[in-house]
Amino acid sequence: MAYSIRPYQDSDAEALASVCRAAIKGIGPQAYSDEQVDVWLSRHPGAALYRERVSNGATIFVAADEDDAPVAYALLEPDGHLDHLYNDPAHTRNGLALNLLATASLFAKHHGITRLYTEASDLARPSFEEAGYVATEKREFEIDGVPIHNWAMEKAID
């Protein structure tokens, strides 16, 4: 299957919410408990999130299939914070995460952003490492009383 990376369109919001939920529900249990997956899902309320984030200056890169349907995406904030990287479980292992991360790096370089940073799940960490990010700390925290963790990671943009 051929994929393309393109900018976010407002009509993508519902599909991105579905991609996010499918990724957390479908891939999350490989590294996190059911309770952790449930609280992770609770942090992603739906399509309005994407519209709000874009209106506040975020840039979303969308990986689309041959029919131009979103199957993965990355959300980059103006300060270099890569807040989302989600891939529909039916489209993993196709290089989409690395292509999205490369696109974010090129965008950052073009816009004078000198550092990208993120909080990666155990599942996303290998893709970030392959894209040149370095883990700086394991972050242990709670969401609604449920302990969970992720990895603070960063990458310098030359």
C-alpha atoms as a PDB file:
ATOM      1  CA  MET A   1       0.000   0.000   0.000  1.00  0.00           C
ATOM      2  CA  ALA A   2       1.199   3.484  -0.840  1.00  0.00           C
ATOM      3  CA  TYR A   3       1.061   6.222   1.763  1.00  0.00           C
ATOM      4  CA  SER A   4       1.589   9.957   1.648  1.00  0.00           C
ATOM      5  CA  ILE A   5       2.400  12.533   4.302  1.00  0.00           C
ATOM      6  CA  ARG A   6       0.321  15.685   4.060  1.00  0.00           C
ATOM      7  CA  PRO A   7      -0.814  18.617   6.196  1.00  0.00           C
ATOM      8  CA  TYR A   8      -3.847  18.329   8.446  1.00  0.00           C
ATOM      9  CA  GLN A   9      -7.220  19.400   7.081  1.00  0.00           C
ATOM     10  CA  ASP A  10     -10.146  20.273   9.334  1.00  0.00           C
ATOM     11  CA  SER A  11     -12.062  17.333   7.860  1.00  0.00           C
ATOM     12  CA  ASP A  12      -9.390  14.996   9.353  1.00  0.00           C
ATOM     13  CA  ALA A  13     -10.349  15.680  12.980  1.00  0.00           C
ATOM     14  CA  GLU A  14     -12.787  12.766  13.424  1.00  0.00           C
ATOM     15  CA  ALA A  15     -10.453  10.331  11.673  1.00  0.00           C
ATOM     16  CA  LEU A  16      -7.487  11.407  13.813  1.00  0.00           C
ATOM     17  CA  ALA A  17      -9.531  10.893  16.966  1.00  0.00           C
ATOM     18  CA  SER A  18     -10.318   7.382  15.716  1.00  0.00           C
ATOM     19  CA  VAL A  19      -6.659   6.691  14.871  1.00  0.00           C
ATOM     20  CA  CYS A  20      -5.611   7.832  18.341  1.00  0.00           C
ATOM     21  CA  ARG A  21      -8.199   5.698  20.137  1.00  0.00           C
ATOM     22  CA  ALA A  22      -7.471   2.660  17.941  1.00  0.00           C
ATOM     23  CA  ALA A  23      -3.744   2.972  18.620  1.00  0.00           C
ATOM     24  CA  ILE A  24      -4.141   3.299  22.376  1.00  0.00           C
ATOM     25  CA  LYS A  25      -6.699   0.481  22.594  1.00  0.00           C
ATOM     26  CA  GLY A  26      -5.046  -1.795  20.045  1.00  0.00           C
ATOM     27  CA  ILE A  27      -1.341  -1.312  20.747  1.00  0.00           C
ATOM     28  CA  GLY A  28      -1.325   0.053  24.313  1.00  0.00           C
ATOM     29  CA  PRO A  29      -2.019  -3.310  25.992  1.00  0.00           C
ATOM     30  CA  GLN A  30       1.314  -4.613  24.663  1.00  0.00           C
ATOM     31  CA  ALA A  31       3.100  -2.516  27.294  1.00  0.00           C
ATOM     32  CA  TYR A  32       0.459  -1.160  29.676  1.00  0.00           C
ATOM     33  CA  SER A  33      -2.246  -2.661  31.908  1.00  0.00           C
ATOM     34  CA  ASP A  34      -5.946  -2.384  31.060  1.00  0.00           C
ATOM     35  CA  GLU A  35      -6.342   0.232  33.785  1.00  0.00           C
ATOM     36  CA  GLN A  36      -3.446   2.265  32.389  1.00  0.00           C
ATOM     37  CA  VAL A  37      -4.869   2.039  28.854  1.00  0.00           C
ATOM     38  CA  ASP A  38      -8.244   3.247  30.136  1.00  0.00           C
ATOM     39  CA  VAL A  39      -6.795   6.352  31.813  1.00  0.00           C
ATOM     40  CA  TRP A  40      -4.591   7.037  28.782  1.00  0.00           C
ATOM     41  CA  LEU A  41      -7.733   6.950  26.626  1.00  0.00           C
ATOM     42  CA  SER A  42      -9.467   9.352  29.003  1.00  0.00           C
ATOM     43  CA  ARG A  43      -6.873  11.999  28.072  1.00  0.00           C
ATOM     44  CA  HIS A  44      -8.010  12.001  24.425  1.00  0.00           C
ATOM     45  CA  PRO A  45     -11.539  13.399  24.292  1.00  0.00           C
ATOM     46  CA  GLY A  46     -12.181  13.458  20.538  1.00  0.00           C
ATOM     47  CA  ALA A  47     -12.160  15.522  17.358  1.00  0.00           C
ATOM     48  CA  ALA A  48     -12.514  18.916  19.058  1.00  0.00           C
ATOM     49  CA  LEU A  49      -9.018  18.458  20.503  1.00  0.00           C
ATOM     50  CA  TYR A  50      -7.400  18.626  17.045  1.00  0.00           C
ATOM     51  CA  ARG A  51      -9.325  21.693  15.962  1.00  0.00           C
ATOM     52  CA  GLU A  52      -8.437  23.450  19.208  1.00  0.00           C
ATOM     53  CA  ARG A  53      -4.770  22.517  19.030  1.00  0.00           C
ATOM     54  CA  VAL A  54      -4.453  23.724  15.420  1.00  0.00           C
ATOM     55  CA  SER A  55      -6.229  26.995  16.287  1.00  0.00           C
ATOM     56  CA  ASN A  56      -3.631  27.422  19.064  1.00  0.00           C
ATOM     57  CA  GLY A  57      -0.722  27.069  16.627  1.00  0.00           C
ATOM     58  CA  ALA A  58      -0.015  23.330  16.497  1.00  0.00           C
ATOM     59  CA  THR A  59       0.909  21.670  13.215  1.00  0.00           C
ATOM     60  CA  ILE A  60      -0.389  18.203  12.434  1.00  0.00           C
ATOM     61  CA  PHE A  61       1.248  15.950   9.867  1.00  0.00           C
ATOM     62  CA  VAL A  62      -1.036  13.231   8.533  1.00  0.00           C
ATOM     63  CA  ALA A  63      -0.041   9.909   6.986  1.00  0.00           C
ATOM     64  CA  ALA A  64      -2.813   9.001   4.554  1.00  0.00           C
ATOM     65  CA  ASP A  65      -3.538   5.807   2.672  1.00  0.00           C
ATOM     66  CA  GLU A  66      -4.216   5.500  -1.063  1.00  0.00           C
ATOM     67  CA  ASP A  67      -7.746   6.847  -0.521  1.00  0.00           C
ATOM     68  CA  ASP A  68      -6.365   9.865   1.407  1.00  0.00           C
ATOM     69  CA  ALA A  69      -7.805   8.519   4.668  1.00  0.00           C
ATOM     70  CA  PRO A  70      -5.680   9.337   7.741  1.00  0.00           C
ATOM     71  CA  VAL A  71      -3.965   6.263   9.220  1.00  0.00           C
ATOM     72  CA  ALA A  72      -1.276   7.913  11.386  1.00  0.00           C
ATOM     73  CA  TYR A  73      -0.324  11.405  12.510  1.00  0.00           C
ATOM     74  CA  ALA A  74       2.072  13.551  14.504  1.00  0.00           C
ATOM     75  CA  LEU A  75       1.119  16.752  16.348  1.00  0.00           C
ATOM     76  CA  LEU A  76       3.868  19.350  16.769  1.00  0.00           C
ATOM     77  CA  GLU A  77       3.494  22.414  18.980  1.00  0.00           C
ATOM     78  CA  PRO A  78       5.192  25.727  18.058  1.00  0.00           C
ATOM     79  CA  ASP A  79       7.856  25.319  20.776  1.00  0.00           C
ATOM     80  CA  GLY A  80       9.087  21.972  19.391  1.00  0.00           C
ATOM     81  CA  HIS A  81       7.009  19.717  21.637  1.00  0.00           C
ATOM     82  CA  LEU A  82       5.888  16.676  19.662  1.00  0.00           C
ATOM     83  CA  ASP A  83       2.778  15.891  21.649  1.00  0.00           C
ATOM     84  CA  HIS A  84       1.206  13.079  19.602  1.00  0.00           C
ATOM     85  CA  LEU A  85       2.525  10.279  17.417  1.00  0.00           C
ATOM     86  CA  TYR A  86      -0.185   7.699  16.766  1.00  0.00           C
ATOM     87  CA  ASN A  87      -0.512   4.978  14.174  1.00  0.00           C
ATOM     88  CA  ASP A  88      -3.619   2.901  13.441  1.00  0.00           C
ATOM     89  CA  PRO A  89      -2.795  -0.715  14.401  1.00  0.00           C
ATOM     90  CA  ALA A  90      -3.740  -1.912  10.901  1.00  0.00           C
ATOM     91  CA  HIS A  91      -0.977   0.272   9.439  1.00  0.00           C
ATOM     92  CA  THR A  92       1.985  -0.326  11.756  1.00  0.00           C
ATOM     93  CA  ARG A  93       5.361  -1.593  10.573  1.00  0.00           C
ATOM     94  CA  ASN A  94       5.155   0.436   7.358  1.00  0.00           C
ATOM     95  CA  GLY A  95       7.604   3.201   8.315  1.00  0.00           C
ATOM     96  CA  LEU A  96       4.874   5.759   8.946  1.00  0.00           C
ATOM     97  CA  ALA A  97       6.139   6.798  12.390  1.00  0.00           C
ATOM     98  CA  LEU A  98       9.645   7.400  11.057  1.00  0.00           C
ATOM     99  CA  ASN A  99       8.318   9.325   8.058  1.00  0.00           C
ATOM    100  CA  LEU A 100       6.173  11.504  10.318  1.00  0.00           C
ATOM    101  CA  LEU A 101       9.123  12.141  12.645  1.00  0.00           C
ATOM    102  CA  ALA A 102      11.345  13.022   9.679  1.00  0.00           C
ATOM    103  CA  THR A 103       8.670  15.413   8.405  1.00  0.00           C
ATOM    104  CA  ALA A 104       8.452  17.055  11.839  1.00  0.00           C
ATOM    105  CA  SER A 105      12.251  17.453  11.899  1.00  0.00           C
ATOM    106  CA  LEU A 106      12.304  19.077   8.462  1.00  0.00           C
ATOM    107  CA  PHE A 107       9.467  21.391   9.473  1.00  0.00           C
ATOM    108  CA  ALA A 108      11.330  22.323  12.674  1.00  0.00           C
ATOM    109  CA  LYS A 109      14.532  23.075  10.791  1.00  0.00           C
ATOM    110  CA  HIS A 110      12.662  25.194   8.243  1.00  0.00           C
ATOM    111  CA  HIS A 111      10.907  27.135  11.033  1.00  0.00           C
ATOM    112  CA  GLY A 112      13.949  27.763  13.230  1.00  0.00           C
ATOM    113  CA  ILE A 113      13.039  25.254  15.939  1.00  0.00           C
ATOM    114  CA  THR A 114      16.344  23.982  17.335  1.00  0.00           C
ATOM    115  CA  ARG A 115      15.057  21.234  19.621  1.00  0.00           C
ATOM    116  CA  LEU A 116      12.237  18.722  19.425  1.00  0.00           C
ATOM    117  CA  TYR A 117      11.056  17.016  22.574  1.00  0.00           C
ATOM    118  CA  THR A 118       8.376  14.528  23.555  1.00  0.00           C
ATOM    119  CA  GLU A 119       7.069  12.158  26.181  1.00  0.00           C
ATOM    120  CA  ALA A 120       7.087   8.744  24.491  1.00  0.00           C
ATOM    121  CA  SER A 121       5.325   5.597  25.579  1.00  0.00           C
ATOM    122  CA  ASP A 122       7.284   2.370  25.865  1.00  0.00           C
ATOM    123  CA  LEU A 123       5.761   1.468  22.500  1.00  0.00           C
ATOM    124  CA  ALA A 124       6.759   4.669  20.684  1.00  0.00           C
ATOM    125  CA  ARG A 125      10.220   4.956  22.231  1.00  0.00           C
ATOM    126  CA  PRO A 126      11.976   2.709  19.655  1.00  0.00           C
ATOM    127  CA  SER A 127      10.661   4.817  16.755  1.00  0.00           C
ATOM    128  CA  PHE A 128      11.827   8.012  18.422  1.00  0.00           C
ATOM    129  CA  GLU A 129      15.248   6.490  19.105  1.00  0.00           C
ATOM    130  CA  GLU A 130      15.547   5.379  15.475  1.00  0.00           C
ATOM    131  CA  ALA A 131      14.699   8.959  14.460  1.00  0.00           C
ATOM    132  CA  GLY A 132      17.569  10.314  16.586  1.00  0.00           C
ATOM    133  CA  TYR A 133      15.804  11.185  19.837  1.00  0.00           C
ATOM    134  CA  VAL A 134      17.553  10.466  23.131  1.00  0.00           C
ATOM    135  CA  ALA A 135      15.748   9.455  26.319  1.00  0.00           C
ATOM    136  CA  THR A 136      16.582  11.867  29.131  1.00  0.00           C
ATOM    137  CA  GLU A 137      14.394  10.443  31.886  1.00  0.00           C
ATOM    138  CA  LYS A 138      11.737   7.885  32.698  1.00  0.00           C
ATOM    139  CA  ARG A 139       8.696   9.819  33.909  1.00  0.00           C
ATOM    140  CA  GLU A 140       6.591   8.125  36.582  1.00  0.00           C
ATOM    141  CA  PHE A 141       3.255   9.832  37.279  1.00  0.00           C
ATOM    142  CA  GLU A 142      -0.429   9.176  37.910  1.00  0.00           C
ATOM    143  CA  ILE A 143      -3.555   9.856  35.895  1.00  0.00           C
ATOM    144  CA  ASP A 144      -6.661   9.790  38.065  1.00  0.00           C
ATOM    145  CA  GLY A 145      -4.749   7.806  40.680  1.00  0.00           C
ATOM    146  CA  VAL A 146      -3.444   5.189  38.224  1.00  0.00           C
ATOM    147  CA  PRO A 147       0.372   4.944  38.064  1.00  0.00           C
ATOM    148  CA  ILE A 148       1.779   5.080  34.540  1.00  0.00           C
ATOM    149  CA  HIS A 149       5.038   6.102  32.909  1.00  0.00           C
ATOM    150  CA  ASN A 150       6.590   7.415  29.725  1.00  0.00           C
ATOM    151  CA  TRP A 151       9.969   8.676  28.533  1.00  0.00           C
ATOM    152  CA  ALA A 152      11.126  12.268  28.223  1.00  0.00           C
ATOM    153  CA  MET A 153      13.045  12.360  24.934  1.00  0.00           C
ATOM    154  CA  GLU A 154      14.631  15.060  22.831  1.00  0.00           C
ATOM    155  CA  LYS A 155      16.451  15.694  19.585  1.00  0.00           C
ATOM    156  CA  ALA A 156      18.609  18.621  18.541  1.00  0.00           C
ATOM    157  CA  ILE A 157      17.786  20.119  15.133  1.00  0.00           C
ATOM    158  CA  ASP A 158      20.829  21.376  13.243  1.00  0.00           C
END
